[in-house]
Amino acid sequence: MTWRAAGLLGMVLACALTGCVGPAATGKSSGRGAAEINAELGLAYMQQGDYEHALEKLKHALSFDPQLASANHYIAEVYQQIGETKTAETHYRKALSATPVDPMLLNNFGVFLCRQKRLDEAQTLFMTAAKQPFYKTPEVAYSNAALCALQQPDETKAEEYLRTALRLNPRLPAALYEMAALKFKQQDYLSARAFLQRYFNAARASPQSLWLGVRVEKQLGDEANAAKYAMRLKEDFPLAAETELLQGQKGR
């Protein structure tokens, strides 16, 4: 999920303190303005991981305007983070009823549904998001749809989504890693290596990617490269679960 910079808090807080509503603004317009200011404050607190204050500001926003799409969207994200999934879904749907073609909302609601194992519903939302003409990162929706498809499991559909994501953005790390992992599972080890090399050129190594590198190179018979990946995994991520797997493998 991509949010606006957390530095927004200072700007929005200053606006809240000074009012940011002209002297002639009254009634519904001033209520709407107060709702939007509190929604932005809630977003900024959420970005900082301060869910308590985020929730407070977002509830305040909705007290001024219960239908405000941004406030419902942001509070849904907060409720998702704190595990209140039923309330989160209620607010996602309120936001969607107000802005049914907001691609970021569609994508985020899709992520929520995918986590709830409602895989077909999630993929429908991802595809709707990806097809919105003003969505700047449709490749993210395609990559997310692939993760849902892999859970079904439908490897053919997942690969189709991932290849579409990579046509749109050849350096998308999530899609490159998932393609490497999928090709490894399909025993296409040369393709797995190629996608993994592209991943390392686009993103920082993770425990998962280094562990995959170890296994790919072992399957290809390249013990020297496997050892390099193993060394990086142990040095950079000594406490990772993948490092434990590596050490367990050596202990056999």
Protein backbone atom coordinates (compact mmCIF):
# COMPACT_ATOMS: atom_id res chain seq x y z
CA MET A 1 0.00 0.00 0.00
CA THR A 2 1.35 3.39 -0.96
CA TRP A 3 0.38 6.37 1.15
CA ARG A 4 1.33 10.01 1.01
CA ALA A 5 4.39 11.14 2.93
CA ALA A 6 4.15 11.09 6.71
CA GLY A 7 5.43 14.67 6.70
CA LEU A 8 1.88 15.63 5.88
CA LEU A 9 1.16 15.57 9.61
CA GLY A 10 2.89 18.88 10.27
CA MET A 11 1.10 20.63 7.43
CA VAL A 12 -2.30 19.24 8.32
CA LEU A 13 -1.81 19.90 12.03
CA ALA A 14 -1.00 23.53 11.34
CA CYS A 15 -4.09 23.74 9.20
CA ALA A 16 -6.21 22.24 11.96
CA LEU A 17 -4.89 24.69 14.53
CA THR A 18 -5.52 27.74 12.39
CA GLY A 19 -8.81 26.49 11.06
CA CYS A 20 -8.11 26.57 7.30
CA VAL A 21 -11.78 27.49 6.81
CA GLY A 22 -12.66 30.97 5.60
CA PRO A 23 -14.76 33.20 7.83
CA ALA A 24 -17.73 32.90 5.50
CA ALA A 25 -17.72 29.11 5.56
CA THR A 26 -20.50 27.79 7.74
CA GLY A 27 -22.78 24.79 8.17
CA LYS A 28 -22.27 21.92 5.77
CA SER A 29 -19.16 23.36 4.09
CA SER A 30 -17.34 23.96 7.38
CA GLY A 31 -18.35 20.49 8.59
CA ARG A 32 -16.98 18.97 5.41
CA GLY A 33 -13.75 20.91 5.85
CA ALA A 34 -13.37 19.73 9.43
CA ALA A 35 -14.02 16.15 8.33
CA GLU A 36 -11.34 16.34 5.65
CA ILE A 37 -8.79 17.88 8.02
CA ASN A 38 -9.36 15.17 10.61
CA ALA A 39 -9.20 12.49 7.92
CA GLU A 40 -5.79 13.76 6.82
CA LEU A 41 -4.62 13.86 10.42
CA GLY A 42 -5.81 10.30 10.87
CA LEU A 43 -3.91 9.25 7.74
CA ALA A 44 -0.72 10.89 9.00
CA TYR A 45 -0.97 9.19 12.39
CA MET A 46 -1.64 5.86 10.67
CA GLN A 47 1.49 6.31 8.54
CA GLN A 48 3.47 6.68 11.75
CA GLY A 49 1.95 3.51 13.20
CA ASP A 50 0.04 5.46 15.86
CA TYR A 51 -3.26 3.66 15.43
CA GLU A 52 -4.79 4.98 18.64
CA HIS A 53 -4.57 8.62 17.58
CA ALA A 54 -5.39 7.72 13.97
CA LEU A 55 -8.60 6.09 15.10
CA GLU A 56 -9.48 9.08 17.25
CA LYS A 57 -9.04 11.54 14.38
CA LEU A 58 -10.84 9.37 11.85
CA LYS A 59 -13.82 8.84 14.13
CA HIS A 60 -13.89 12.60 14.60
CA ALA A 61 -13.86 13.05 10.82
CA LEU A 62 -16.80 10.70 10.43
CA SER A 63 -18.73 12.52 13.13
CA PHE A 64 -18.66 15.56 10.82
CA ASP A 65 -19.30 13.62 7.60
CA PRO A 66 -20.19 9.90 7.92
CA GLN A 67 -20.05 9.42 4.15
CA LEU A 68 -16.60 10.92 3.55
CA ALA A 69 -14.85 8.36 1.37
CA SER A 70 -11.31 9.11 2.48
CA ALA A 71 -12.17 8.86 6.18
CA ASN A 72 -13.97 5.55 5.66
CA HIS A 73 -11.05 4.25 3.58
CA TYR A 74 -8.42 5.23 6.12
CA ILE A 75 -10.34 3.98 9.14
CA ALA A 76 -10.90 0.66 7.35
CA GLU A 77 -7.13 0.36 7.02
CA VAL A 78 -6.68 1.08 10.72
CA TYR A 79 -9.31 -1.47 11.74
CA GLN A 80 -7.64 -4.02 9.48
CA GLN A 81 -4.30 -3.36 11.19
CA ILE A 82 -5.75 -3.89 14.67
CA GLY A 83 -7.64 -7.03 13.67
CA GLU A 84 -11.22 -5.74 13.66
CA THR A 85 -12.03 -7.20 10.28
CA LYS A 86 -15.83 -6.90 10.32
CA THR A 87 -15.68 -3.21 11.13
CA ALA A 88 -12.95 -2.75 8.53
CA GLU A 89 -15.11 -4.30 5.82
CA THR A 90 -18.06 -2.10 6.75
CA HIS A 91 -15.95 1.01 6.23
CA TYR A 92 -14.35 -0.28 3.03
CA ARG A 93 -17.83 -0.76 1.59
CA LYS A 94 -18.95 2.70 2.69
CA ALA A 95 -15.91 4.22 1.00
CA LEU A 96 -16.53 2.16 -2.12
CA SER A 97 -20.17 3.23 -2.32
CA ALA A 98 -18.98 6.86 -2.38
CA THR A 99 -16.06 6.37 -4.79
CA PRO A 100 -16.63 3.09 -6.68
CA VAL A 101 -13.79 3.60 -9.18
CA ASP A 102 -11.04 4.83 -6.84
CA PRO A 103 -8.18 2.49 -7.86
CA MET A 104 -6.25 2.78 -4.60
CA LEU A 105 -9.37 1.93 -2.61
CA LEU A 106 -10.19 -0.97 -4.92
CA ASN A 107 -6.65 -2.31 -4.58
CA ASN A 108 -6.56 -1.95 -0.79
CA PHE A 109 -9.96 -3.56 -0.34
CA GLY A 110 -8.75 -6.35 -2.60
CA VAL A 111 -5.72 -6.88 -0.35
CA PHE A 112 -8.05 -7.06 2.64
CA LEU A 113 -10.30 -9.66 0.98
CA CYS A 114 -7.31 -11.70 -0.18
CA ARG A 115 -6.10 -11.88 3.42
CA GLN A 116 -9.56 -13.12 4.38
CA LYS A 117 -9.20 -15.89 1.74
CA ARG A 118 -12.04 -14.41 -0.32
CA LEU A 119 -9.91 -14.90 -3.37
CA ASP A 120 -12.37 -14.51 -6.24
CA GLU A 121 -13.82 -11.30 -4.78
CA ALA A 122 -10.34 -9.92 -4.27
CA GLN A 123 -9.23 -10.65 -7.83
CA THR A 124 -12.33 -8.94 -9.20
CA LEU A 125 -11.44 -5.80 -7.27
CA PHE A 126 -7.80 -5.95 -8.40
CA MET A 127 -8.84 -6.22 -12.04
CA THR A 128 -11.29 -3.35 -11.67
CA ALA A 129 -8.52 -1.25 -10.12
CA ALA A 130 -6.02 -2.14 -12.83
CA LYS A 131 -8.39 -1.04 -15.59
CA GLN A 132 -9.02 2.44 -14.20
CA PRO A 133 -7.59 4.92 -16.73
CA PHE A 134 -5.96 7.21 -14.14
CA TYR A 135 -4.39 4.51 -11.96
CA LYS A 136 -0.66 5.25 -11.96
CA THR A 137 0.47 1.79 -10.78
CA PRO A 138 -1.83 -0.87 -12.27
CA GLU A 139 1.08 -3.31 -12.10
CA VAL A 140 0.61 -3.40 -8.32
CA ALA A 141 -2.98 -4.59 -8.72
CA TYR A 142 -1.90 -7.29 -11.19
CA SER A 143 0.85 -8.45 -8.82
CA ASN A 144 -1.61 -8.59 -5.92
CA ALA A 145 -4.08 -10.53 -8.07
CA ALA A 146 -1.33 -13.05 -8.76
CA LEU A 147 -0.78 -13.61 -5.03
CA CYS A 148 -4.47 -14.41 -4.68
CA ALA A 149 -4.40 -16.75 -7.65
CA LEU A 150 -1.44 -18.61 -6.15
CA GLN A 151 -3.52 -19.29 -3.04
CA GLN A 152 -6.35 -20.94 -5.03
CA PRO A 153 -3.98 -22.41 -6.41
CA ASP A 154 -4.11 -21.38 -10.07
CA GLU A 155 -0.54 -21.12 -11.33
CA THR A 156 -1.58 -20.40 -14.91
CA LYS A 157 -3.65 -17.38 -13.95
CA ALA A 158 -0.99 -16.24 -11.48
CA GLU A 159 1.70 -16.32 -14.15
CA GLU A 160 -0.54 -14.40 -16.54
CA TYR A 161 -1.07 -11.67 -13.93
CA LEU A 162 2.64 -11.53 -13.09
CA ARG A 163 3.70 -11.26 -16.72
CA THR A 164 1.21 -8.44 -17.24
CA ALA A 165 2.59 -6.66 -14.17
CA LEU A 166 6.13 -7.01 -15.52
CA ARG A 167 5.14 -5.73 -18.95
CA LEU A 168 3.86 -2.61 -17.22
CA ASN A 169 6.86 -2.35 -14.89
CA PRO A 170 9.79 -4.68 -15.65
CA ARG A 171 11.45 -3.77 -12.34
CA LEU A 172 8.56 -4.47 -9.97
CA PRO A 173 10.27 -6.40 -7.14
CA ALA A 174 7.22 -8.29 -5.86
CA ALA A 175 6.37 -9.62 -9.33
CA LEU A 176 9.99 -10.57 -10.09
CA TYR A 177 10.31 -12.50 -6.84
CA GLU A 178 7.00 -14.30 -7.28
CA MET A 179 7.92 -15.27 -10.86
CA ALA A 180 11.24 -16.64 -9.62
CA ALA A 181 9.48 -18.61 -6.89
CA LEU A 182 6.86 -19.90 -9.32
CA LYS A 183 9.48 -21.01 -11.85
CA PHE A 184 11.38 -22.78 -9.07
CA LYS A 185 8.21 -24.62 -8.08
CA GLN A 186 7.70 -25.59 -11.73
CA GLN A 187 11.30 -26.88 -11.81
CA ASP A 188 12.27 -24.35 -14.48
CA TYR A 189 15.46 -23.45 -12.65
CA LEU A 190 17.12 -21.38 -15.38
CA SER A 191 14.08 -19.13 -15.59
CA ALA A 192 13.97 -18.93 -11.81
CA ARG A 193 17.60 -17.78 -11.79
CA ALA A 194 16.91 -15.17 -14.47
CA PHE A 195 13.94 -13.67 -12.63
CA LEU A 196 15.85 -13.73 -9.34
CA GLN A 197 18.81 -11.90 -10.89
CA ARG A 198 16.39 -9.28 -12.17
CA TYR A 199 14.95 -9.01 -8.68
CA PHE A 200 18.38 -8.38 -7.15
CA ASN A 201 18.99 -5.67 -9.75
CA ALA A 202 15.73 -3.94 -8.77
CA ALA A 203 15.55 -4.35 -4.99
CA ARG A 204 17.49 -5.08 -1.84
CA ALA A 205 17.97 -8.71 -0.96
CA SER A 206 15.54 -10.23 1.53
CA PRO A 207 15.87 -13.46 3.52
CA GLN A 208 13.29 -15.06 1.24
CA SER A 209 15.10 -14.07 -1.97
CA LEU A 210 18.51 -15.22 -0.70
CA TRP A 211 17.11 -18.55 0.46
CA LEU A 212 15.47 -19.01 -2.92
CA GLY A 213 18.84 -18.20 -4.52
CA VAL A 214 20.51 -20.94 -2.48
CA ARG A 215 17.97 -23.52 -3.62
CA VAL A 216 17.94 -22.43 -7.26
CA GLU A 217 21.74 -22.60 -7.55
CA LYS A 218 21.85 -26.00 -5.85
CA GLN A 219 19.35 -27.33 -8.38
CA LEU A 220 21.50 -25.94 -11.18
CA GLY A 221 24.59 -27.58 -9.68
CA ASP A 222 26.35 -24.28 -9.00
CA GLU A 223 27.61 -24.84 -5.45
CA ALA A 224 29.82 -21.72 -5.54
CA ASN A 225 26.88 -19.39 -6.19
CA ALA A 226 24.74 -21.28 -3.69
CA ALA A 227 27.47 -20.73 -1.08
CA LYS A 228 27.57 -16.99 -1.86
CA TYR A 229 23.83 -16.68 -1.30
CA ALA A 230 24.11 -18.74 1.87
CA MET A 231 26.86 -16.52 3.24
CA ARG A 232 24.84 -13.36 2.56
CA LEU A 233 21.82 -14.90 4.21
CA LYS A 234 23.75 -15.79 7.37
CA GLU A 235 25.60 -12.47 7.57
CA ASP A 236 22.76 -10.11 6.73
CA PHE A 237 19.84 -11.97 8.34
CA PRO A 238 21.23 -14.17 11.14
CA LEU A 239 17.88 -14.39 12.97
CA ALA A 240 15.65 -14.99 9.94
CA ALA A 241 13.58 -18.17 9.66
CA GLU A 242 15.28 -18.83 6.29
CA THR A 243 18.68 -18.82 8.03
CA GLU A 244 17.39 -21.46 10.42
CA LEU A 245 16.26 -23.53 7.43
CA LEU A 246 19.70 -23.18 5.87
CA GLN A 247 21.45 -24.26 9.04
CA GLY A 248 19.03 -27.14 9.50
CA GLN A 249 19.76 -28.29 5.96
CA LYS A 250 23.48 -28.31 6.68
CA GLY A 251 22.96 -30.30 9.86
CA ARG A 252 21.49 -33.26 8.01
